[in-house]
Amino acid sequence: MLVNFFADLGQFFRRVVSKTSHYLVKLYAVFIFVLGHLTPTLAVRTQLLMHGYFQSAFCAKIARSSENTYAPAYSHDNDGTVYYVKPSPVSHEELKMTSARPNRYAVQTFGLSFATMTWYN
């Protein structure tokens, strides 16, 4: 009987640890997402990482600009703030589909900050 008790107790702990580890993995993923978007600078660095510019993500200086995010005809107050990455990230693959500049990002903040690469005006 005592052996069965310990066997059942072992199964119980395995189930608890299994369920807990799933929750911890999900909590860790949410924590990493929030951490990457806490400030505008971290949002730009997260985008640089996602686009494969690892050296720029960790070493480059990110500066806020006073210019409008888009051309004056399209500018609104909620378009975001422009941030520049200096020195400009170097791509090993040329951007053929768009004329995107990997050094210019528009950042919008709604509690968390989200950065998007902008295009030539």
PDB file of N, CA and C in Angstrom:
ATOM      1  N   MET A   1       0.811  -1.191   0.000  1.00  0.00           N
ATOM      2  CA  MET A   1       0.000   0.000   0.000  1.00  0.00           C
ATOM      3  C   MET A   1       0.854   1.255   0.000  1.00  0.00           C
ATOM      4  N   LEU A   2       1.896   1.210   0.790  1.00  0.00           N
ATOM      5  CA  LEU A   2       2.767   2.364   0.884  1.00  0.00           C
ATOM      6  C   LEU A   2       3.461   2.624  -0.463  1.00  0.00           C
ATOM      7  N   VAL A   3       3.790   1.557  -1.169  1.00  0.00           N
ATOM      8  CA  VAL A   3       4.429   1.692  -2.481  1.00  0.00           C
ATOM      9  C   VAL A   3       3.456   2.347  -3.460  1.00  0.00           C
ATOM     10  N   ASN A   4       2.187   1.928  -3.437  1.00  0.00           N
ATOM     11  CA  ASN A   4       1.184   2.530  -4.312  1.00  0.00           C
ATOM     12  C   ASN A   4       0.983   4.016  -3.989  1.00  0.00           C
ATOM     13  N   PHE A   5       1.040   4.336  -2.710  1.00  0.00           N
ATOM     14  CA  PHE A   5       0.884   5.732  -2.307  1.00  0.00           C
ATOM     15  C   PHE A   5       1.987   6.595  -2.918  1.00  0.00           C
ATOM     16  N   PHE A   6       3.234   6.112  -2.820  1.00  0.00           N
ATOM     17  CA  PHE A   6       4.350   6.882  -3.372  1.00  0.00           C
ATOM     18  C   PHE A   6       4.306   6.919  -4.894  1.00  0.00           C
ATOM     19  N   ALA A   7       3.834   5.856  -5.519  1.00  0.00           N
ATOM     20  CA  ALA A   7       3.702   5.847  -6.977  1.00  0.00           C
ATOM     21  C   ALA A   7       2.659   6.878  -7.409  1.00  0.00           C
ATOM     22  N   ASP A   8       1.520   6.907  -6.714  1.00  0.00           N
ATOM     23  CA  ASP A   8       0.490   7.897  -7.020  1.00  0.00           C
ATOM     24  C   ASP A   8       0.978   9.320  -6.752  1.00  0.00           C
ATOM     25  N   LEU A   9       1.718   9.484  -5.685  1.00  0.00           N
ATOM     26  CA  LEU A   9       2.270  10.798  -5.365  1.00  0.00           C
ATOM     27  C   LEU A   9       3.255  11.252  -6.443  1.00  0.00           C
ATOM     28  N   GLY A  10       4.056  10.332  -6.946  1.00  0.00           N
ATOM     29  CA  GLY A  10       5.001  10.641  -8.031  1.00  0.00           C
ATOM     30  C   GLY A  10       4.277  11.060  -9.297  1.00  0.00           C
ATOM     31  N   GLN A  11       3.200  10.365  -9.651  1.00  0.00           N
ATOM     32  CA  GLN A  11       2.408  10.743 -10.835  1.00  0.00           C
ATOM     33  C   GLN A  11       1.774  12.115 -10.642  1.00  0.00           C
ATOM     34  N   PHE A  12       1.291  12.383  -9.443  1.00  0.00           N
ATOM     35  CA  PHE A  12       0.691  13.683  -9.156  1.00  0.00           C
ATOM     36  C   PHE A  12       1.707  14.800  -9.376  1.00  0.00           C
ATOM     37  N   PHE A  13       2.912  14.631  -8.843  1.00  0.00           N
ATOM     38  CA  PHE A  13       3.937  15.668  -8.984  1.00  0.00           C
ATOM     39  C   PHE A  13       4.361  15.830 -10.446  1.00  0.00           C
ATOM     40  N   ARG A  14       4.434  14.731 -11.201  1.00  0.00           N
ATOM     41  CA  ARG A  14       4.775  14.831 -12.624  1.00  0.00           C
ATOM     42  C   ARG A  14       3.731  15.644 -13.377  1.00  0.00           C
ATOM     43  N   ARG A  15       2.455  15.443 -13.075  1.00  0.00           N
ATOM     44  CA  ARG A  15       1.396  16.215 -13.726  1.00  0.00           C
ATOM     45  C   ARG A  15       1.483  17.692 -13.359  1.00  0.00           C
ATOM     46  N   VAL A  16       1.697  17.973 -12.085  1.00  0.00           N
ATOM     47  CA  VAL A  16       1.780  19.359 -11.624  1.00  0.00           C
ATOM     48  C   VAL A  16       2.964  20.060 -12.278  1.00  0.00           C
ATOM     49  N   VAL A  17       4.117  19.408 -12.310  1.00  0.00           N
ATOM     50  CA  VAL A  17       5.304  20.010 -12.913  1.00  0.00           C
ATOM     51  C   VAL A  17       5.088  20.202 -14.409  1.00  0.00           C
ATOM     52  N   SER A  18       4.463  19.252 -15.070  1.00  0.00           N
ATOM     53  CA  SER A  18       4.202  19.361 -16.500  1.00  0.00           C
ATOM     54  C   SER A  18       3.294  20.552 -16.813  1.00  0.00           C
ATOM     55  N   LYS A  19       2.206  20.696 -16.058  1.00  0.00           N
ATOM     56  CA  LYS A  19       1.284  21.809 -16.272  1.00  0.00           C
ATOM     57  C   LYS A  19       1.941  23.133 -15.902  1.00  0.00           C
ATOM     58  N   THR A  20       2.699  23.146 -14.839  1.00  0.00           N
ATOM     59  CA  THR A  20       3.360  24.368 -14.398  1.00  0.00           C
ATOM     60  C   THR A  20       4.399  24.813 -15.415  1.00  0.00           C
ATOM     61  N   SER A  21       5.125  23.876 -15.987  1.00  0.00           N
ATOM     62  CA  SER A  21       6.158  24.254 -16.957  1.00  0.00           C
ATOM     63  C   SER A  21       5.532  24.866 -18.203  1.00  0.00           C
ATOM     64  N   HIS A  22       4.361  24.407 -18.616  1.00  0.00           N
ATOM     65  CA  HIS A  22       3.672  25.012 -19.760  1.00  0.00           C
ATOM     66  C   HIS A  22       3.292  26.456 -19.449  1.00  0.00           C
ATOM     67  N   TYR A  23       2.785  26.679 -18.257  1.00  0.00           N
ATOM     68  CA  TYR A  23       2.420  28.045 -17.867  1.00  0.00           C
ATOM     69  C   TYR A  23       3.645  28.946 -17.756  1.00  0.00           C
ATOM     70  N   LEU A  24       4.742  28.405 -17.253  1.00  0.00           N
ATOM     71  CA  LEU A  24       5.963  29.193 -17.134  1.00  0.00           C
ATOM     72  C   LEU A  24       6.523  29.559 -18.506  1.00  0.00           C
ATOM     73  N   VAL A  25       6.446  28.654 -19.454  1.00  0.00           N
ATOM     74  CA  VAL A  25       6.908  28.952 -20.811  1.00  0.00           C
ATOM     75  C   VAL A  25       6.055  30.062 -21.424  1.00  0.00           C
ATOM     76  N   LYS A  26       4.750  29.996 -21.258  1.00  0.00           N
ATOM     77  CA  LYS A  26       3.866  31.039 -21.776  1.00  0.00           C
ATOM     78  C   LYS A  26       4.125  32.373 -21.084  1.00  0.00           C
ATOM     79  N   LEU A  27       4.307  32.352 -19.778  1.00  0.00           N
ATOM     80  CA  LEU A  27       4.597  33.567 -19.031  1.00  0.00           C
ATOM     81  C   LEU A  27       5.927  34.165 -19.461  1.00  0.00           C
ATOM     82  N   TYR A  28       6.911  33.327 -19.706  1.00  0.00           N
ATOM     83  CA  TYR A  28       8.218  33.784 -20.176  1.00  0.00           C
ATOM     84  C   TYR A  28       8.094  34.445 -21.549  1.00  0.00           C
ATOM     85  N   ALA A  29       7.310  33.879 -22.456  1.00  0.00           N
ATOM     86  CA  ALA A  29       7.119  34.460 -23.790  1.00  0.00           C
ATOM     87  C   ALA A  29       6.457  35.834 -23.698  1.00  0.00           C
ATOM     88  N   VAL A  30       5.458  35.975 -22.863  1.00  0.00           N
ATOM     89  CA  VAL A  30       4.796  37.276 -22.680  1.00  0.00           C
ATOM     90  C   VAL A  30       5.771  38.277 -22.070  1.00  0.00           C
ATOM     91  N   PHE A  31       6.573  37.847 -21.115  1.00  0.00           N
ATOM     92  CA  PHE A  31       7.550  38.729 -20.480  1.00  0.00           C
ATOM     93  C   PHE A  31       8.568  39.242 -21.504  1.00  0.00           C
ATOM     94  N   ILE A  32       9.061  38.364 -22.369  1.00  0.00           N
ATOM     95  CA  ILE A  32      10.036  38.761 -23.393  1.00  0.00           C
ATOM     96  C   ILE A  32       9.393  39.745 -24.374  1.00  0.00           C
ATOM     97  N   PHE A  33       8.133  39.514 -24.771  1.00  0.00           N
ATOM     98  CA  PHE A  33       7.441  40.436 -25.674  1.00  0.00           C
ATOM     99  C   PHE A  33       7.303  41.810 -25.048  1.00  0.00           C
ATOM    100  N   VAL A  34       6.838  41.862 -23.810  1.00  0.00           N
ATOM    101  CA  VAL A  34       6.651  43.151 -23.126  1.00  0.00           C
ATOM    102  C   VAL A  34       7.995  43.844 -22.934  1.00  0.00           C
ATOM    103  N   LEU A  35       9.019  43.110 -22.557  1.00  0.00           N
ATOM    104  CA  LEU A  35      10.340  43.688 -22.360  1.00  0.00           C
ATOM    105  C   LEU A  35      10.865  44.319 -23.650  1.00  0.00           C
ATOM    106  N   GLY A  36      10.597  43.710 -24.784  1.00  0.00           N
ATOM    107  CA  GLY A  36      11.056  44.228 -26.065  1.00  0.00           C
ATOM    108  C   GLY A  36      10.316  45.460 -26.538  1.00  0.00           C
ATOM    109  N   HIS A  37       9.221  45.819 -25.875  1.00  0.00           N
ATOM    110  CA  HIS A  37       8.414  46.960 -26.303  1.00  0.00           C
ATOM    111  C   HIS A  37       8.159  47.966 -25.184  1.00  0.00           C
ATOM    112  N   LEU A  38       8.954  47.945 -24.133  1.00  0.00           N
ATOM    113  CA  LEU A  38       8.740  48.869 -23.013  1.00  0.00           C
ATOM    114  C   LEU A  38       9.015  50.317 -23.385  1.00  0.00           C
ATOM    115  N   THR A  39      10.082  50.563 -24.106  1.00  0.00           N
ATOM    116  CA  THR A  39      10.445  51.929 -24.491  1.00  0.00           C
ATOM    117  C   THR A  39      10.600  51.988 -26.005  1.00  0.00           C
ATOM    118  N   PRO A  40      10.530  53.179 -26.599  1.00  0.00           N
ATOM    119  CA  PRO A  40      10.733  53.289 -28.051  1.00  0.00           C
ATOM    120  C   PRO A  40      12.095  52.760 -28.506  1.00  0.00           C
ATOM    121  N   THR A  41      13.129  53.000 -27.730  1.00  0.00           N
ATOM    122  CA  THR A  41      14.456  52.518 -28.104  1.00  0.00           C
ATOM    123  C   THR A  41      14.505  50.993 -28.112  1.00  0.00           C
ATOM    124  N   LEU A  42      13.901  50.360 -27.119  1.00  0.00           N
ATOM    125  CA  LEU A  42      13.859  48.895 -27.100  1.00  0.00           C
ATOM    126  C   LEU A  42      13.016  48.353 -28.248  1.00  0.00           C
ATOM    127  N   ALA A  43      11.957  49.071 -28.633  1.00  0.00           N
ATOM    128  CA  ALA A  43      11.135  48.635 -29.766  1.00  0.00           C
ATOM    129  C   ALA A  43      11.937  48.667 -31.061  1.00  0.00           C
ATOM    130  N   VAL A  44      12.753  49.707 -31.246  1.00  0.00           N
ATOM    131  CA  VAL A  44      13.600  49.787 -32.446  1.00  0.00           C
ATOM    132  C   VAL A  44      14.638  48.670 -32.414  1.00  0.00           C
ATOM    133  N   ARG A  45      15.240  48.437 -31.263  1.00  0.00           N
ATOM    134  CA  ARG A  45      16.233  47.359 -31.165  1.00  0.00           C
ATOM    135  C   ARG A  45      15.599  45.991 -31.431  1.00  0.00           C
ATOM    136  N   THR A  46      14.365  45.793 -30.979  1.00  0.00           N
ATOM    137  CA  THR A  46      13.659  44.545 -31.255  1.00  0.00           C
ATOM    138  C   THR A  46      13.440  44.368 -32.751  1.00  0.00           C
ATOM    139  N   GLN A  47      13.051  45.447 -33.447  1.00  0.00           N
ATOM    140  CA  GLN A  47      12.868  45.366 -34.890  1.00  0.00           C
ATOM    141  C   GLN A  47      14.186  45.077 -35.610  1.00  0.00           C
ATOM    142  N   LEU A  48      15.259  45.691 -35.151  1.00  0.00           N
ATOM    143  CA  LEU A  48      16.566  45.407 -35.748  1.00  0.00           C
ATOM    144  C   LEU A  48      16.928  43.933 -35.582  1.00  0.00           C
ATOM    145  N   LEU A  49      16.668  43.380 -34.411  1.00  0.00           N
ATOM    146  CA  LEU A  49      16.911  41.949 -34.195  1.00  0.00           C
ATOM    147  C   LEU A  49      16.048  41.096 -35.119  1.00  0.00           C
ATOM    148  N   MET A  50      14.772  41.455 -35.252  1.00  0.00           N
ATOM    149  CA  MET A  50      13.856  40.676 -36.087  1.00  0.00           C
ATOM    150  C   MET A  50      14.244  40.715 -37.565  1.00  0.00           C
ATOM    151  N   HIS A  51      14.884  41.807 -37.996  1.00  0.00           N
ATOM    152  CA  HIS A  51      15.310  41.922 -39.388  1.00  0.00           C
ATOM    153  C   HIS A  51      16.722  41.385 -39.618  1.00  0.00           C
ATOM    154  N   GLY A  52      17.371  40.905 -38.569  1.00  0.00           N
ATOM    155  CA  GLY A  52      18.670  40.272 -38.719  1.00  0.00           C
ATOM    156  C   GLY A  52      19.860  41.194 -38.576  1.00  0.00           C
ATOM    157  N   TYR A  53      19.670  42.417 -38.122  1.00  0.00           N
ATOM    158  CA  TYR A  53      20.774  43.352 -37.919  1.00  0.00           C
ATOM    159  C   TYR A  53      21.257  43.240 -36.468  1.00  0.00           C
ATOM    160  N   PHE A  54      21.932  42.154 -36.162  1.00  0.00           N
ATOM    161  CA  PHE A  54      22.306  41.850 -34.781  1.00  0.00           C
ATOM    162  C   PHE A  54      23.309  42.857 -34.217  1.00  0.00           C
ATOM    163  N   GLN A  55      24.318  43.213 -35.004  1.00  0.00           N
ATOM    164  CA  GLN A  55      25.324  44.141 -34.512  1.00  0.00           C
ATOM    165  C   GLN A  55      24.716  45.505 -34.224  1.00  0.00           C
ATOM    166  N   SER A  56      23.856  45.986 -35.116  1.00  0.00           N
ATOM    167  CA  SER A  56      23.204  47.275 -34.899  1.00  0.00           C
ATOM    168  C   SER A  56      22.250  47.225 -33.712  1.00  0.00           C
ATOM    169  N   ALA A  57      21.586  46.094 -33.525  1.00  0.00           N
ATOM    170  CA  ALA A  57      20.634  45.968 -32.420  1.00  0.00           C
ATOM    171  C   ALA A  57      21.318  46.122 -31.066  1.00  0.00           C
ATOM    172  N   PHE A  58      22.554  45.657 -30.972  1.00  0.00           N
ATOM    173  CA  PHE A  58      23.242  45.705 -29.685  1.00  0.00           C
ATOM    174  C   PHE A  58      24.193  46.892 -29.529  1.00  0.00           C
ATOM    175  N   CYS A  59      24.722  47.417 -30.634  1.00  0.00           N
ATOM    176  CA  CYS A  59      25.795  48.411 -30.523  1.00  0.00           C
ATOM    177  C   CYS A  59      25.451  49.798 -31.053  1.00  0.00           C
ATOM    178  N   ALA A  60      24.462  49.934 -31.909  1.00  0.00           N
ATOM    179  CA  ALA A  60      24.199  51.215 -32.556  1.00  0.00           C
ATOM    180  C   ALA A  60      23.532  52.206 -31.613  1.00  0.00           C
ATOM    181  N   LYS A  61      23.700  53.478 -31.926  1.00  0.00           N
ATOM    182  CA  LYS A  61      23.043  54.543 -31.175  1.00  0.00           C
ATOM    183  C   LYS A  61      21.696  54.823 -31.841  1.00  0.00           C
ATOM    184  N   ILE A  62      20.663  54.927 -31.036  1.00  0.00           N
ATOM    185  CA  ILE A  62      19.321  55.212 -31.551  1.00  0.00           C
ATOM    186  C   ILE A  62      18.922  56.586 -31.043  1.00  0.00           C
ATOM    187  N   ALA A  63      18.657  57.499 -31.996  1.00  0.00           N
ATOM    188  CA  ALA A  63      18.371  58.889 -31.646  1.00  0.00           C
ATOM    189  C   ALA A  63      16.982  59.278 -32.133  1.00  0.00           C
ATOM    190  N   ARG A  64      16.282  60.025 -31.292  1.00  0.00           N
ATOM    191  CA  ARG A  64      14.949  60.526 -31.641  1.00  0.00           C
ATOM    192  C   ARG A  64      15.097  61.731 -32.557  1.00  0.00           C
ATOM    193  N   SER A  65      14.212  61.819 -33.558  1.00  0.00           N
ATOM    194  CA  SER A  65      14.231  62.928 -34.503  1.00  0.00           C
ATOM    195  C   SER A  65      13.005  63.804 -34.280  1.00  0.00           C
ATOM    196  N   SER A  66      13.092  65.053 -34.699  1.00  0.00           N
ATOM    197  CA  SER A  66      11.948  65.959 -34.538  1.00  0.00           C
ATOM    198  C   SER A  66      11.100  66.041 -35.801  1.00  0.00           C
ATOM    199  N   GLU A  67      11.461  65.291 -36.835  1.00  0.00           N
ATOM    200  CA  GLU A  67      10.702  65.348 -38.091  1.00  0.00           C
ATOM    201  C   GLU A  67       9.414  64.544 -38.016  1.00  0.00           C
ATOM    202  N   ASN A  68       8.492  64.842 -38.940  1.00  0.00           N
ATOM    203  CA  ASN A  68       7.250  64.079 -39.027  1.00  0.00           C
ATOM    204  C   ASN A  68       7.553  62.689 -39.553  1.00  0.00           C
ATOM    205  N   THR A  69       6.716  61.752 -39.197  1.00  0.00           N
ATOM    206  CA  THR A  69       6.930  60.379 -39.613  1.00  0.00           C
ATOM    207  C   THR A  69       6.758  60.219 -41.113  1.00  0.00           C
ATOM    208  N   TYR A  70       5.744  60.843 -41.675  1.00  0.00           N
ATOM    209  CA  TYR A  70       5.462  60.702 -43.096  1.00  0.00           C
ATOM    210  C   TYR A  70       5.477  62.070 -43.747  1.00  0.00           C
ATOM    211  N   ALA A  71       5.260  62.108 -45.039  1.00  0.00           N
ATOM    212  CA  ALA A  71       5.243  63.375 -45.762  1.00  0.00           C
ATOM    213  C   ALA A  71       4.195  64.297 -45.141  1.00  0.00           C
ATOM    214  N   PRO A  72       4.394  65.638 -45.198  1.00  0.00           N
ATOM    215  CA  PRO A  72       3.470  66.572 -44.545  1.00  0.00           C
ATOM    216  C   PRO A  72       2.006  66.387 -44.949  1.00  0.00           C
ATOM    217  N   ALA A  73       1.739  65.956 -46.171  1.00  0.00           N
ATOM    218  CA  ALA A  73       0.350  65.772 -46.598  1.00  0.00           C
ATOM    219  C   ALA A  73      -0.334  64.662 -45.808  1.00  0.00           C
ATOM    220  N   TYR A  74       0.458  63.729 -45.292  1.00  0.00           N
ATOM    221  CA  TYR A  74      -0.106  62.595 -44.571  1.00  0.00           C
ATOM    222  C   TYR A  74       0.162  62.645 -43.076  1.00  0.00           C
ATOM    223  N   SER A  75       0.783  63.710 -42.605  1.00  0.00           N
ATOM    224  CA  SER A  75       1.190  63.715 -41.197  1.00  0.00           C
ATOM    225  C   SER A  75       0.007  63.984 -40.275  1.00  0.00           C
ATOM    226  N   HIS A  76      -0.050  63.233 -39.226  1.00  0.00           N
ATOM    227  CA  HIS A  76      -1.054  63.363 -38.178  1.00  0.00           C
ATOM    228  C   HIS A  76      -0.335  63.246 -36.845  1.00  0.00           C
ATOM    229  N   ASP A  77      -1.000  63.592 -35.788  1.00  0.00           N
ATOM    230  CA  ASP A  77      -0.363  63.529 -34.475  1.00  0.00           C
ATOM    231  C   ASP A  77      -0.077  62.098 -34.028  1.00  0.00           C
ATOM    232  N   ASN A  78      -0.855  61.134 -34.518  1.00  0.00           N
ATOM    233  CA  ASN A  78      -0.688  59.762 -34.044  1.00  0.00           C
ATOM    234  C   ASN A  78       0.163  58.905 -34.973  1.00  0.00           C
ATOM    235  N   ASP A  79       0.884  59.521 -35.917  1.00  0.00           N
ATOM    236  CA  ASP A  79       1.729  58.755 -36.826  1.00  0.00           C
ATOM    237  C   ASP A  79       2.988  58.225 -36.155  1.00  0.00           C
ATOM    238  N   GLY A  80       3.325  58.762 -35.036  1.00  0.00           N
ATOM    239  CA  GLY A  80       4.484  58.273 -34.318  1.00  0.00           C
ATOM    240  C   GLY A  80       5.654  59.220 -34.399  1.00  0.00           C
ATOM    241  N   THR A  81       6.729  58.826 -33.802  1.00  0.00           N
ATOM    242  CA  THR A  81       7.957  59.599 -33.745  1.00  0.00           C
ATOM    243  C   THR A  81       9.025  58.875 -34.533  1.00  0.00           C
ATOM    244  N   VAL A  82       9.866  59.629 -35.226  1.00  0.00           N
ATOM    245  CA  VAL A  82      10.937  59.036 -36.023  1.00  0.00           C
ATOM    246  C   VAL A  82      12.172  58.843 -35.157  1.00  0.00           C
ATOM    247  N   TYR A  83      12.766  57.662 -35.272  1.00  0.00           N
ATOM    248  CA  TYR A  83      14.027  57.348 -34.614  1.00  0.00           C
ATOM    249  C   TYR A  83      15.015  56.898 -35.675  1.00  0.00           C
ATOM    250  N   TYR A  84      16.261  57.379 -35.575  1.00  0.00           N
ATOM    251  CA  TYR A  84      17.323  56.995 -36.495  1.00  0.00           C
ATOM    252  C   TYR A  84      18.335  56.107 -35.799  1.00  0.00           C
ATOM    253  N   VAL A  85      18.830  55.138 -36.537  1.00  0.00           N
ATOM    254  CA  VAL A  85      19.854  54.234 -36.051  1.00  0.00           C
ATOM    255  C   VAL A  85      21.173  54.671 -36.676  1.00  0.00           C
ATOM    256  N   LYS A  86      22.162  54.979 -35.819  1.00  0.00           N
ATOM    257  CA  LYS A  86      23.471  55.420 -36.304  1.00  0.00           C
ATOM    258  C   LYS A  86      24.552  54.572 -35.660  1.00  0.00           C
ATOM    259  N   PRO A  87      25.439  54.007 -36.408  1.00  0.00           N
ATOM    260  CA  PRO A  87      25.549  54.002 -37.860  1.00  0.00           C
ATOM    261  C   PRO A  87      24.459  53.131 -38.482  1.00  0.00           C
ATOM    262  N   SER A  88      24.167  53.419 -39.737  1.00  0.00           N
ATOM    263  CA  SER A  88      23.097  52.717 -40.441  1.00  0.00           C
ATOM    264  C   SER A  88      23.405  51.230 -40.544  1.00  0.00           C
ATOM    265  N   PRO A  89      22.408  50.379 -40.297  1.00  0.00           N
ATOM    266  CA  PRO A  89      22.629  48.933 -40.409  1.00  0.00           C
ATOM    267  C   PRO A  89      23.031  48.546 -41.830  1.00  0.00           C
ATOM    268  N   VAL A  90      23.958  47.630 -41.941  1.00  0.00           N
ATOM    269  CA  VAL A  90      24.426  47.167 -43.240  1.00  0.00           C
ATOM    270  C   VAL A  90      23.731  45.856 -43.551  1.00  0.00           C
ATOM    271  N   SER A  91      23.104  45.802 -44.721  1.00  0.00           N
ATOM    272  CA  SER A  91      22.403  44.601 -45.138  1.00  0.00           C
ATOM    273  C   SER A  91      23.284  43.797 -46.082  1.00  0.00           C
ATOM    274  N   HIS A  92      23.316  42.501 -45.867  1.00  0.00           N
ATOM    275  CA  HIS A  92      24.048  41.635 -46.775  1.00  0.00           C
ATOM    276  C   HIS A  92      23.207  41.313 -48.007  1.00  0.00           C
ATOM    277  N   GLU A  93      21.928  41.609 -47.918  1.00  0.00           N
ATOM    278  CA  GLU A  93      21.017  41.366 -49.027  1.00  0.00           C
ATOM    279  C   GLU A  93      20.322  42.682 -49.348  1.00  0.00           C
ATOM    280  N   GLU A  94      20.390  43.086 -50.588  1.00  0.00           N
ATOM    281  CA  GLU A  94      19.807  44.367 -50.971  1.00  0.00           C
ATOM    282  C   GLU A  94      18.287  44.286 -50.919  1.00  0.00           C
ATOM    283  N   LEU A  95      17.656  45.364 -50.466  1.00  0.00           N
ATOM    284  CA  LEU A  95      16.196  45.396 -50.402  1.00  0.00           C
ATOM    285  C   LEU A  95      15.664  45.715 -51.801  1.00  0.00           C
ATOM    286  N   LYS A  96      15.176  44.691 -52.486  1.00  0.00           N
ATOM    287  CA  LYS A  96      14.767  44.849 -53.882  1.00  0.00           C
ATOM    288  C   LYS A  96      13.300  45.242 -54.016  1.00  0.00           C
ATOM    289  N   MET A  97      12.465  44.813 -53.108  1.00  0.00           N
ATOM    290  CA  MET A  97      11.026  45.044 -53.236  1.00  0.00           C
ATOM    291  C   MET A  97      10.629  46.456 -52.830  1.00  0.00           C
ATOM    292  N   THR A  98      11.317  47.031 -51.873  1.00  0.00           N
ATOM    293  CA  THR A  98      10.964  48.359 -51.387  1.00  0.00           C
ATOM    294  C   THR A  98      12.211  49.228 -51.330  1.00  0.00           C
ATOM    295  N   SER A  99      11.998  50.487 -51.121  1.00  0.00           N
ATOM    296  CA  SER A  99      13.128  51.396 -50.940  1.00  0.00           C
ATOM    297  C   SER A  99      13.268  51.727 -49.456  1.00  0.00           C
ATOM    298  N   ALA A 100      13.030  50.749 -48.607  1.00  0.00           N
ATOM    299  CA  ALA A 100      13.078  50.969 -47.161  1.00  0.00           C
ATOM    300  C   ALA A 100      14.496  51.261 -46.714  1.00  0.00           C
ATOM    301  N   ARG A 101      14.600  52.194 -45.803  1.00  0.00           N
ATOM    302  CA  ARG A 101      15.892  52.508 -45.196  1.00  0.00           C
ATOM    303  C   ARG A 101      15.937  51.813 -43.842  1.00  0.00           C
ATOM    304  N   PRO A 102      16.873  50.910 -43.631  1.00  0.00           N
ATOM    305  CA  PRO A 102      16.894  50.207 -42.346  1.00  0.00           C
ATOM    306  C   PRO A 102      17.362  51.074 -41.184  1.00  0.00           C
ATOM    307  N   ASN A 103      17.654  52.360 -41.432  1.00  0.00           N
ATOM    308  CA  ASN A 103      18.098  53.208 -40.338  1.00  0.00           C
ATOM    309  C   ASN A 103      17.020  54.163 -39.848  1.00  0.00           C
ATOM    310  N   ARG A 104      15.815  54.131 -40.421  1.00  0.00           N
ATOM    311  CA  ARG A 104      14.745  55.071 -40.065  1.00  0.00           C
ATOM    312  C   ARG A 104      13.513  54.277 -39.624  1.00  0.00           C
ATOM    313  N   TYR A 105      13.068  54.518 -38.399  1.00  0.00           N
ATOM    314  CA  TYR A 105      11.930  53.784 -37.842  1.00  0.00           C
ATOM    315  C   TYR A 105      10.901  54.754 -37.281  1.00  0.00           C
ATOM    316  N   ALA A 106       9.635  54.454 -37.517  1.00  0.00           N
ATOM    317  CA  ALA A 106       8.536  55.202 -36.913  1.00  0.00           C
ATOM    318  C   ALA A 106       8.066  54.409 -35.704  1.00  0.00           C
ATOM    319  N   VAL A 107       7.983  55.077 -34.568  1.00  0.00           N
ATOM    320  CA  VAL A 107       7.604  54.401 -33.332  1.00  0.00           C
ATOM    321  C   VAL A 107       6.312  55.000 -32.810  1.00  0.00           C
ATOM    322  N   GLN A 108       5.333  54.152 -32.603  1.00  0.00           N
ATOM    323  CA  GLN A 108       4.065  54.558 -32.001  1.00  0.00           C
ATOM    324  C   GLN A 108       3.977  53.922 -30.621  1.00  0.00           C
ATOM    325  N   THR A 109       3.478  54.692 -29.676  1.00  0.00           N
ATOM    326  CA  THR A 109       3.392  54.202 -28.304  1.00  0.00           C
ATOM    327  C   THR A 109       1.948  54.213 -27.837  1.00  0.00           C
ATOM    328  N   PHE A 110       1.477  53.046 -27.420  1.00  0.00           N
ATOM    329  CA  PHE A 110       0.148  52.870 -26.835  1.00  0.00           C
ATOM    330  C   PHE A 110       0.322  52.050 -25.562  1.00  0.00           C
ATOM    331  N   GLY A 111       0.939  52.613 -24.565  1.00  0.00           N
ATOM    332  CA  GLY A 111       1.311  51.838 -23.387  1.00  0.00           C
ATOM    333  C   GLY A 111       2.618  51.121 -23.656  1.00  0.00           C
ATOM    334  N   LEU A 112       2.650  50.283 -24.688  1.00  0.00           N
ATOM    335  CA  LEU A 112       3.880  49.673 -25.179  1.00  0.00           C
ATOM    336  C   LEU A 112       4.263  50.383 -26.473  1.00  0.00           C
ATOM    337  N   SER A 113       5.506  50.294 -26.860  1.00  0.00           N
ATOM    338  CA  SER A 113       5.986  50.956 -28.075  1.00  0.00           C
ATOM    339  C   SER A 113       6.172  49.936 -29.189  1.00  0.00           C
ATOM    340  N   PHE A 114       5.771  50.330 -30.400  1.00  0.00           N
ATOM    341  CA  PHE A 114       5.896  49.471 -31.560  1.00  0.00           C
ATOM    342  C   PHE A 114       6.584  50.244 -32.673  1.00  0.00           C
ATOM    343  N   ALA A 115       7.632  49.664 -33.248  1.00  0.00           N
ATOM    344  CA  ALA A 115       8.417  50.327 -34.280  1.00  0.00           C
ATOM    345  C   ALA A 115       8.173  49.662 -35.628  1.00  0.00           C
ATOM    346  N   THR A 116       8.114  50.485 -36.678  1.00  0.00           N
ATOM    347  CA  THR A 116       8.023  49.975 -38.042  1.00  0.00           C
ATOM    348  C   THR A 116       9.039  50.714 -38.894  1.00  0.00           C
ATOM    349  N   MET A 117       9.635  50.005 -39.841  1.00  0.00           N
ATOM    350  CA  MET A 117      10.574  50.627 -40.750  1.00  0.00           C
ATOM    351  C   MET A 117       9.789  51.533 -41.692  1.00  0.00           C
ATOM    352  N   THR A 118      10.291  52.726 -41.971  1.00  0.00           N
ATOM    353  CA  THR A 118       9.605  53.657 -42.861  1.00  0.00           C
ATOM    354  C   THR A 118      10.293  53.707 -44.216  1.00  0.00           C
ATOM    355  N   TRP A 119       9.628  54.291 -45.183  1.00  0.00           N
ATOM    356  CA  TRP A 119      10.125  54.348 -46.544  1.00  0.00           C
ATOM    357  C   TRP A 119      10.498  55.759 -46.915  1.00  0.00           C
ATOM    358  N   TYR A 120      11.184  55.904 -48.035  1.00  0.00           N
ATOM    359  CA  TYR A 120      11.560  57.226 -48.533  1.00  0.00           C
ATOM    360  C   TYR A 120      10.313  58.055 -48.766  1.00  0.00           C
ATOM    361  N   ASN A 121      10.403  59.337 -48.498  1.00  0.00           N
ATOM    362  CA  ASN A 121       9.278  60.242 -48.752  1.00  0.00           C
ATOM    363  C   ASN A 121       9.258  60.682 -50.181  1.00  0.00           C
TER     364      ASN A 121
END
